[in-house]
């Protein structure tokens, strides 16, 4: 997971991490990764159960979540194995999708995360540092495209030093690699949605993945990492700007 942008302050700073003590602190434990719901952030309704429990009575588990569309993950107990994620599946097909996806898996070796799903209009990441400096990266569609570095961000958001405002910039397609975006976002509805999303985490330092869903662009937080120093943006990389912000 990372902000994907050539010349990104996150990537530039992480590349400088040479202190062996700091590198050692960059490992994570379960206590470092509370769920968004545990943090009181807007999140999807979901259940996490042994895959074997689901396979015993799929329809009962589906009804527990109680939504029309789903996404799910198969979570291996062996950390060397990759988790499997499938999203945007209607209720009528979800049981079949999970059964077919897990047909070659040992049910005793996996947990299932089954969650409600809404169409992601925008998705991305927000990082809040110890001094509450904020840097975010978003693009249209699912947040996984930005978080996994599959696609570059379409807009960058960052706090205005010394204020409670955030600034949003379009990333021009012809921008030079490493250049600082300087074209303010003109969509007032989108800016209000980003401000609303930021308001939930501006006092919660760490790294947050989220989606803006539905007609209202409601924020849904999908992942949070709070203790790992790799998920911090030093204030020196949040350059002053004079463009009007929001908030």
C-alpha atoms as a PDB file:
ATOM      1  CA  UNK A   1       0.000   0.000   0.000  1.00  0.00           C
ATOM      2  CA  UNK A   2       1.341   3.393  -0.935  1.00  0.00           C
ATOM      3  CA  UNK A   3       0.546   6.697  -2.499  1.00  0.00           C
ATOM      4  CA  UNK A   4       1.443   6.210  -6.150  1.00  0.00           C
ATOM      5  CA  UNK A   5       2.821   9.317  -7.767  1.00  0.00           C
ATOM      6  CA  UNK A   6       6.193   9.985  -9.336  1.00  0.00           C
ATOM      7  CA  UNK A   7       8.127  12.143  -6.927  1.00  0.00           C
ATOM      8  CA  UNK A   8       5.630  11.395  -4.140  1.00  0.00           C
ATOM      9  CA  UNK A   9       6.799  12.718  -0.740  1.00  0.00           C
ATOM     10  CA  UNK A  10       5.768   9.370   0.778  1.00  0.00           C
ATOM     11  CA  UNK A  11       7.995   7.407  -1.569  1.00  0.00           C
ATOM     12  CA  UNK A  12      10.878   9.890  -1.353  1.00  0.00           C
ATOM     13  CA  UNK A  13      10.843   9.753   2.430  1.00  0.00           C
ATOM     14  CA  UNK A  14      10.538   5.964   2.664  1.00  0.00           C
ATOM     15  CA  UNK A  15      13.536   5.607   0.344  1.00  0.00           C
ATOM     16  CA  UNK A  16      15.631   7.580   2.857  1.00  0.00           C
ATOM     17  CA  UNK A  17      14.899   5.215   5.729  1.00  0.00           C
ATOM     18  CA  UNK A  18      18.383   3.864   6.464  1.00  0.00           C
ATOM     19  CA  UNK A  19      18.329   3.851  10.270  1.00  0.00           C
ATOM     20  CA  UNK A  20      18.233   0.143  11.294  1.00  0.00           C
ATOM     21  CA  UNK A  21      16.228   0.916  14.441  1.00  0.00           C
ATOM     22  CA  UNK A  22      13.598   2.780  12.443  1.00  0.00           C
ATOM     23  CA  UNK A  23      13.462  -0.026   9.898  1.00  0.00           C
ATOM     24  CA  UNK A  24      12.929  -2.529  12.698  1.00  0.00           C
ATOM     25  CA  UNK A  25      10.023  -0.446  13.995  1.00  0.00           C
ATOM     26  CA  UNK A  26       8.400  -0.595  10.567  1.00  0.00           C
ATOM     27  CA  UNK A  27       7.140  -4.138  11.145  1.00  0.00           C
ATOM     28  CA  UNK A  28       3.466  -4.555  12.018  1.00  0.00           C
ATOM     29  CA  UNK A  29       1.483  -6.502  14.576  1.00  0.00           C
ATOM     30  CA  UNK A  30      -2.272  -7.002  14.903  1.00  0.00           C
ATOM     31  CA  UNK A  31      -2.420  -4.118  17.377  1.00  0.00           C
ATOM     32  CA  UNK A  32      -1.097  -1.814  14.634  1.00  0.00           C
ATOM     33  CA  UNK A  33      -3.996  -2.536  12.296  1.00  0.00           C
ATOM     34  CA  UNK A  34      -7.361  -2.043  14.025  1.00  0.00           C
ATOM     35  CA  UNK A  35     -10.315  -2.230  11.683  1.00  0.00           C
ATOM     36  CA  UNK A  36     -11.963   1.038  10.577  1.00  0.00           C
ATOM     37  CA  UNK A  37     -15.082   0.065  12.529  1.00  0.00           C
ATOM     38  CA  UNK A  38     -12.977  -0.365  15.680  1.00  0.00           C
ATOM     39  CA  UNK A  39     -11.743   3.196  15.134  1.00  0.00           C
ATOM     40  CA  UNK A  40     -15.303   4.484  14.756  1.00  0.00           C
ATOM     41  CA  UNK A  41     -14.843   5.295  11.069  1.00  0.00           C
ATOM     42  CA  UNK A  42     -17.632   4.881   8.478  1.00  0.00           C
ATOM     43  CA  UNK A  43     -17.224   1.346   7.149  1.00  0.00           C
ATOM     44  CA  UNK A  44     -19.046  -1.545   5.521  1.00  0.00           C
ATOM     45  CA  UNK A  45     -21.047  -4.081   7.506  1.00  0.00           C
ATOM     46  CA  UNK A  46     -19.192  -7.374   7.383  1.00  0.00           C
ATOM     47  CA  UNK A  47     -18.524 -10.703   9.026  1.00  0.00           C
ATOM     48  CA  UNK A  48     -15.234 -12.605   9.355  1.00  0.00           C
ATOM     49  CA  UNK A  49     -15.697 -16.329   9.937  1.00  0.00           C
ATOM     50  CA  UNK A  50     -13.865 -19.580   9.209  1.00  0.00           C
ATOM     51  CA  UNK A  51     -14.405 -20.528   5.580  1.00  0.00           C
ATOM     52  CA  UNK A  52     -15.636 -23.935   6.753  1.00  0.00           C
ATOM     53  CA  UNK A  53     -18.496 -22.269   8.688  1.00  0.00           C
ATOM     54  CA  UNK A  54     -19.634 -20.461   5.561  1.00  0.00           C
ATOM     55  CA  UNK A  55     -19.506 -23.585   3.427  1.00  0.00           C
ATOM     56  CA  UNK A  56     -21.680 -25.409   5.966  1.00  0.00           C
ATOM     57  CA  UNK A  57     -24.545 -22.913   5.509  1.00  0.00           C
ATOM     58  CA  UNK A  58     -23.778 -20.210   2.890  1.00  0.00           C
ATOM     59  CA  UNK A  59     -27.251 -18.650   2.714  1.00  0.00           C
ATOM     60  CA  UNK A  60     -27.480 -18.141   6.475  1.00  0.00           C
ATOM     61  CA  UNK A  61     -24.202 -16.191   6.494  1.00  0.00           C
ATOM     62  CA  UNK A  62     -25.253 -14.080   3.501  1.00  0.00           C
ATOM     63  CA  UNK A  63     -28.450 -13.075   5.304  1.00  0.00           C
ATOM     64  CA  UNK A  64     -26.430 -11.975   8.343  1.00  0.00           C
ATOM     65  CA  UNK A  65     -24.784  -9.208   6.302  1.00  0.00           C
ATOM     66  CA  UNK A  66     -28.108  -8.200   4.782  1.00  0.00           C
ATOM     67  CA  UNK A  67     -27.218  -6.238   1.658  1.00  0.00           C
ATOM     68  CA  UNK A  68     -27.853  -6.446  -2.087  1.00  0.00           C
ATOM     69  CA  UNK A  69     -24.215  -6.371  -3.213  1.00  0.00           C
ATOM     70  CA  UNK A  70     -21.089  -7.891  -1.704  1.00  0.00           C
ATOM     71  CA  UNK A  71     -17.344  -8.154  -1.816  1.00  0.00           C
ATOM     72  CA  UNK A  72     -15.319 -10.865  -0.132  1.00  0.00           C
ATOM     73  CA  UNK A  73     -11.810 -11.976   0.758  1.00  0.00           C
ATOM     74  CA  UNK A  74     -10.367 -15.407   1.408  1.00  0.00           C
ATOM     75  CA  UNK A  75      -7.823 -14.832   4.178  1.00  0.00           C
ATOM     76  CA  UNK A  76      -5.165 -17.554   4.453  1.00  0.00           C
ATOM     77  CA  UNK A  77      -3.859 -18.531   7.883  1.00  0.00           C
ATOM     78  CA  UNK A  78      -0.415 -18.958   6.306  1.00  0.00           C
ATOM     79  CA  UNK A  79       0.914 -15.430   5.739  1.00  0.00           C
ATOM     80  CA  UNK A  80       3.068 -16.650   2.863  1.00  0.00           C
ATOM     81  CA  UNK A  81      -0.123 -17.282   0.891  1.00  0.00           C
ATOM     82  CA  UNK A  82      -1.879 -14.410  -0.885  1.00  0.00           C
ATOM     83  CA  UNK A  83      -5.370 -13.358   0.087  1.00  0.00           C
ATOM     84  CA  UNK A  84      -8.003 -13.461  -2.647  1.00  0.00           C
ATOM     85  CA  UNK A  85     -10.347 -10.503  -3.150  1.00  0.00           C
ATOM     86  CA  UNK A  86     -13.484 -10.389  -5.316  1.00  0.00           C
ATOM     87  CA  UNK A  87     -15.821  -7.370  -5.368  1.00  0.00           C
ATOM     88  CA  UNK A  88     -19.179  -6.149  -6.672  1.00  0.00           C
ATOM     89  CA  UNK A  89     -21.194  -9.362  -6.639  1.00  0.00           C
ATOM     90  CA  UNK A  90     -25.019  -9.388  -6.392  1.00  0.00           C
ATOM     91  CA  UNK A  91     -26.707 -11.232  -3.554  1.00  0.00           C
ATOM     92  CA  UNK A  92     -28.092 -13.840  -5.925  1.00  0.00           C
ATOM     93  CA  UNK A  93     -24.567 -14.903  -6.964  1.00  0.00           C
ATOM     94  CA  UNK A  94     -22.414 -14.394  -3.875  1.00  0.00           C
ATOM     95  CA  UNK A  95     -22.697 -17.916  -2.420  1.00  0.00           C
ATOM     96  CA  UNK A  96     -21.809 -19.493  -5.767  1.00  0.00           C
ATOM     97  CA  UNK A  97     -18.834 -17.135  -6.271  1.00  0.00           C
ATOM     98  CA  UNK A  98     -17.365 -17.972  -2.876  1.00  0.00           C
ATOM     99  CA  UNK A  99     -17.850 -21.711  -3.319  1.00  0.00           C
ATOM    100  CA  UNK A 100     -16.265 -21.660  -6.793  1.00  0.00           C
ATOM    101  CA  UNK A 101     -13.365 -19.463  -5.643  1.00  0.00           C
ATOM    102  CA  UNK A 102     -12.590 -21.761  -2.723  1.00  0.00           C
ATOM    103  CA  UNK A 103     -13.077 -25.098  -4.510  1.00  0.00           C
ATOM    104  CA  UNK A 104      -9.333 -25.889  -4.462  1.00  0.00           C
ATOM    105  CA  UNK A 105      -8.745 -24.464  -0.967  1.00  0.00           C
ATOM    106  CA  UNK A 106      -8.554 -26.257   2.366  1.00  0.00           C
ATOM    107  CA  UNK A 107     -11.518 -24.754   4.275  1.00  0.00           C
ATOM    108  CA  UNK A 108      -9.628 -25.188   7.525  1.00  0.00           C
ATOM    109  CA  UNK A 109      -6.800 -22.970   6.293  1.00  0.00           C
ATOM    110  CA  UNK A 110      -8.844 -19.860   5.476  1.00  0.00           C
ATOM    111  CA  UNK A 111     -11.141 -17.309   7.003  1.00  0.00           C
ATOM    112  CA  UNK A 112     -13.765 -15.540   4.934  1.00  0.00           C
ATOM    113  CA  UNK A 113     -14.407 -11.804   5.096  1.00  0.00           C
ATOM    114  CA  UNK A 114     -17.859 -11.145   3.643  1.00  0.00           C
ATOM    115  CA  UNK A 115     -18.875  -7.502   3.333  1.00  0.00           C
ATOM    116  CA  UNK A 116     -21.496  -5.265   1.844  1.00  0.00           C
ATOM    117  CA  UNK A 117     -20.410  -3.349  -1.259  1.00  0.00           C
ATOM    118  CA  UNK A 118     -21.332  -0.067  -2.945  1.00  0.00           C
ATOM    119  CA  UNK A 119     -20.023   1.183  -6.263  1.00  0.00           C
ATOM    120  CA  UNK A 120     -16.755   3.061  -5.742  1.00  0.00           C
ATOM    121  CA  UNK A 121     -16.967   6.433  -7.488  1.00  0.00           C
ATOM    122  CA  UNK A 122     -13.534   7.504  -6.191  1.00  0.00           C
ATOM    123  CA  UNK A 123     -11.004   5.583  -4.132  1.00  0.00           C
ATOM    124  CA  UNK A 124      -7.652   6.288  -2.575  1.00  0.00           C
ATOM    125  CA  UNK A 125      -5.556   6.858   0.515  1.00  0.00           C
ATOM    126  CA  UNK A 126      -5.141   9.491   3.228  1.00  0.00           C
ATOM    127  CA  UNK A 127      -2.029   9.717   5.410  1.00  0.00           C
ATOM    128  CA  UNK A 128      -2.078  11.789   8.608  1.00  0.00           C
ATOM    129  CA  UNK A 129       1.292  12.460  10.274  1.00  0.00           C
ATOM    130  CA  UNK A 130       2.101  13.129  13.922  1.00  0.00           C
ATOM    131  CA  UNK A 131       1.844  16.880  13.349  1.00  0.00           C
ATOM    132  CA  UNK A 132      -1.518  16.277  11.568  1.00  0.00           C
ATOM    133  CA  UNK A 133      -0.102  17.080   8.149  1.00  0.00           C
ATOM    134  CA  UNK A 134      -2.316  15.378   5.561  1.00  0.00           C
ATOM    135  CA  UNK A 135      -1.490  13.926   2.155  1.00  0.00           C
ATOM    136  CA  UNK A 136      -4.038  11.989   0.073  1.00  0.00           C
ATOM    137  CA  UNK A 137      -4.149  10.392  -3.374  1.00  0.00           C
ATOM    138  CA  UNK A 138      -7.323   9.427  -5.252  1.00  0.00           C
ATOM    139  CA  UNK A 139      -8.537   8.193  -8.626  1.00  0.00           C
ATOM    140  CA  UNK A 140     -11.883   7.229 -10.136  1.00  0.00           C
ATOM    141  CA  UNK A 141     -12.891   3.666  -9.360  1.00  0.00           C
ATOM    142  CA  UNK A 142     -11.695   1.295  -6.671  1.00  0.00           C
ATOM    143  CA  UNK A 143      -9.128   2.394  -4.103  1.00  0.00           C
ATOM    144  CA  UNK A 144      -7.090  -0.762  -4.663  1.00  0.00           C
ATOM    145  CA  UNK A 145      -5.792   0.693  -7.924  1.00  0.00           C
ATOM    146  CA  UNK A 146      -4.032   3.466  -6.020  1.00  0.00           C
ATOM    147  CA  UNK A 147      -3.130   1.464  -2.916  1.00  0.00           C
ATOM    148  CA  UNK A 148      -1.513  -1.355  -4.915  1.00  0.00           C
ATOM    149  CA  UNK A 149       0.191   1.074  -7.317  1.00  0.00           C
ATOM    150  CA  UNK A 150      -1.603  -0.498 -10.289  1.00  0.00           C
ATOM    151  CA  UNK A 151      -2.678   2.931 -11.514  1.00  0.00           C
ATOM    152  CA  UNK A 152      -1.473   6.492 -10.812  1.00  0.00           C
ATOM    153  CA  UNK A 153      -3.557   8.922  -8.790  1.00  0.00           C
ATOM    154  CA  UNK A 154      -5.791  11.415 -10.586  1.00  0.00           C
ATOM    155  CA  UNK A 155      -5.791  13.975  -7.801  1.00  0.00           C
ATOM    156  CA  UNK A 156      -3.624  14.835  -4.832  1.00  0.00           C
ATOM    157  CA  UNK A 157      -4.936  16.328  -1.603  1.00  0.00           C
ATOM    158  CA  UNK A 158      -2.829  17.872   1.156  1.00  0.00           C
ATOM    159  CA  UNK A 159      -3.190  20.110   4.145  1.00  0.00           C
ATOM    160  CA  UNK A 160      -2.298  23.766   4.095  1.00  0.00           C
ATOM    161  CA  UNK A 161       0.438  24.233   6.723  1.00  0.00           C
ATOM    162  CA  UNK A 162      -0.670  26.153   9.776  1.00  0.00           C
ATOM    163  CA  UNK A 163      -4.381  25.859   8.962  1.00  0.00           C
ATOM    164  CA  UNK A 164      -7.201  23.310   9.113  1.00  0.00           C
ATOM    165  CA  UNK A 165      -7.720  23.542   5.341  1.00  0.00           C
ATOM    166  CA  UNK A 166      -6.987  20.942   2.701  1.00  0.00           C
ATOM    167  CA  UNK A 167      -6.033  21.641  -0.902  1.00  0.00           C
ATOM    168  CA  UNK A 168      -6.989  19.419  -3.833  1.00  0.00           C
ATOM    169  CA  UNK A 169      -5.135  19.307  -7.163  1.00  0.00           C
ATOM    170  CA  UNK A 170      -5.902  17.600 -10.459  1.00  0.00           C
ATOM    171  CA  UNK A 171      -2.958  15.703 -11.910  1.00  0.00           C
ATOM    172  CA  UNK A 172      -2.618  16.722 -15.549  1.00  0.00           C
ATOM    173  CA  UNK A 173      -2.037  13.743 -17.856  1.00  0.00           C
ATOM    174  CA  UNK A 174       0.894  15.531 -19.491  1.00  0.00           C
ATOM    175  CA  UNK A 175       2.551  16.543 -16.200  1.00  0.00           C
ATOM    176  CA  UNK A 176       6.272  15.898 -15.948  1.00  0.00           C
ATOM    177  CA  UNK A 177       7.298  13.039 -13.626  1.00  0.00           C
ATOM    178  CA  UNK A 178       7.959  14.390 -10.159  1.00  0.00           C
ATOM    179  CA  UNK A 179       6.339  17.741 -10.831  1.00  0.00           C
ATOM    180  CA  UNK A 180       4.148  19.361  -8.168  1.00  0.00           C
ATOM    181  CA  UNK A 181       0.476  19.493  -9.215  1.00  0.00           C
ATOM    182  CA  UNK A 182      -0.809  23.055  -9.478  1.00  0.00           C
ATOM    183  CA  UNK A 183      -4.280  22.777 -11.053  1.00  0.00           C
ATOM    184  CA  UNK A 184      -6.923  23.120  -8.302  1.00  0.00           C
ATOM    185  CA  UNK A 185      -9.892  20.747  -8.422  1.00  0.00           C
ATOM    186  CA  UNK A 186     -12.940  22.702  -9.613  1.00  0.00           C
ATOM    187  CA  UNK A 187     -15.653  20.161  -8.666  1.00  0.00           C
ATOM    188  CA  UNK A 188     -17.144  21.630  -5.478  1.00  0.00           C
ATOM    189  CA  UNK A 189     -19.141  18.469  -4.725  1.00  0.00           C
ATOM    190  CA  UNK A 190     -16.009  16.348  -4.884  1.00  0.00           C
ATOM    191  CA  UNK A 191     -14.071  18.799  -2.707  1.00  0.00           C
ATOM    192  CA  UNK A 192     -16.818  18.715  -0.066  1.00  0.00           C
ATOM    193  CA  UNK A 193     -16.738  14.910  -0.145  1.00  0.00           C
ATOM    194  CA  UNK A 194     -12.960  14.873   0.321  1.00  0.00           C
ATOM    195  CA  UNK A 195     -13.235  17.342   3.184  1.00  0.00           C
ATOM    196  CA  UNK A 196     -15.908  15.169   4.789  1.00  0.00           C
ATOM    197  CA  UNK A 197     -13.680  12.086   4.455  1.00  0.00           C
ATOM    198  CA  UNK A 198     -10.691  13.932   5.891  1.00  0.00           C
ATOM    199  CA  UNK A 199     -12.712  15.202   8.851  1.00  0.00           C
ATOM    200  CA  UNK A 200     -13.082  11.617  10.105  1.00  0.00           C
ATOM    201  CA  UNK A 201      -9.324  10.977  10.337  1.00  0.00           C
ATOM    202  CA  UNK A 202      -7.611  14.343  10.705  1.00  0.00           C
ATOM    203  CA  UNK A 203      -6.879  13.552  14.379  1.00  0.00           C
ATOM    204  CA  UNK A 204      -6.000   9.882  13.760  1.00  0.00           C
ATOM    205  CA  UNK A 205      -2.400   9.680  12.616  1.00  0.00           C
ATOM    206  CA  UNK A 206      -1.605   6.887  10.210  1.00  0.00           C
ATOM    207  CA  UNK A 207      -2.503   5.502   6.831  1.00  0.00           C
ATOM    208  CA  UNK A 208      -6.125   5.076   5.724  1.00  0.00           C
ATOM    209  CA  UNK A 209      -7.597   3.454   2.603  1.00  0.00           C
ATOM    210  CA  UNK A 210     -11.101   4.480   1.615  1.00  0.00           C
ATOM    211  CA  UNK A 211     -13.729   4.724  -1.095  1.00  0.00           C
ATOM    212  CA  UNK A 212     -16.229   7.473  -1.906  1.00  0.00           C
ATOM    213  CA  UNK A 213     -19.454   5.649  -2.738  1.00  0.00           C
ATOM    214  CA  UNK A 214     -22.921   6.358  -4.107  1.00  0.00           C
ATOM    215  CA  UNK A 215     -24.463   9.578  -5.325  1.00  0.00           C
ATOM    216  CA  UNK A 216     -23.513  11.352  -2.098  1.00  0.00           C
ATOM    217  CA  UNK A 217     -19.832  10.257  -2.313  1.00  0.00           C
ATOM    218  CA  UNK A 218     -20.083   8.910   1.225  1.00  0.00           C
ATOM    219  CA  UNK A 219     -16.683   7.874   2.646  1.00  0.00           C
ATOM    220  CA  UNK A 220     -16.225   4.186   3.445  1.00  0.00           C
ATOM    221  CA  UNK A 221     -12.937   3.348   5.178  1.00  0.00           C
ATOM    222  CA  UNK A 222     -11.444  -0.024   4.240  1.00  0.00           C
ATOM    223  CA  UNK A 223      -8.103  -0.227   6.060  1.00  0.00           C
ATOM    224  CA  UNK A 224      -6.073   1.731   8.606  1.00  0.00           C
ATOM    225  CA  UNK A 225      -2.427   1.429   9.707  1.00  0.00           C
ATOM    226  CA  UNK A 226      -1.606   3.581  12.707  1.00  0.00           C
ATOM    227  CA  UNK A 227       1.752   2.679  14.258  1.00  0.00           C
ATOM    228  CA  UNK A 228       4.067   1.892  11.344  1.00  0.00           C
ATOM    229  CA  UNK A 229       6.493   4.801  10.666  1.00  0.00           C
ATOM    230  CA  UNK A 230       6.436   3.916   6.970  1.00  0.00           C
ATOM    231  CA  UNK A 231       2.954   5.429   6.906  1.00  0.00           C
ATOM    232  CA  UNK A 232       4.031   8.905   7.987  1.00  0.00           C
ATOM    233  CA  UNK A 233       4.598  12.001   5.857  1.00  0.00           C
ATOM    234  CA  UNK A 234       7.159  14.378   7.407  1.00  0.00           C
ATOM    235  CA  UNK A 235       6.016  18.007   7.510  1.00  0.00           C
ATOM    236  CA  UNK A 236       9.060  19.048   5.447  1.00  0.00           C
ATOM    237  CA  UNK A 237       7.400  17.473   2.395  1.00  0.00           C
ATOM    238  CA  UNK A 238       4.099  19.325   2.749  1.00  0.00           C
ATOM    239  CA  UNK A 239       5.040  22.462   0.834  1.00  0.00           C
ATOM    240  CA  UNK A 240       3.222  25.744   1.518  1.00  0.00           C
ATOM    241  CA  UNK A 241       0.570  26.690  -1.036  1.00  0.00           C
ATOM    242  CA  UNK A 242      -1.487  29.816  -1.580  1.00  0.00           C
ATOM    243  CA  UNK A 243      -4.399  28.317  -3.478  1.00  0.00           C
ATOM    244  CA  UNK A 244      -7.806  28.635  -1.778  1.00  0.00           C
ATOM    245  CA  UNK A 245      -8.656  25.435   0.025  1.00  0.00           C
ATOM    246  CA  UNK A 246     -11.697  23.902   1.630  1.00  0.00           C
ATOM    247  CA  UNK A 247     -12.711  23.504   5.239  1.00  0.00           C
END
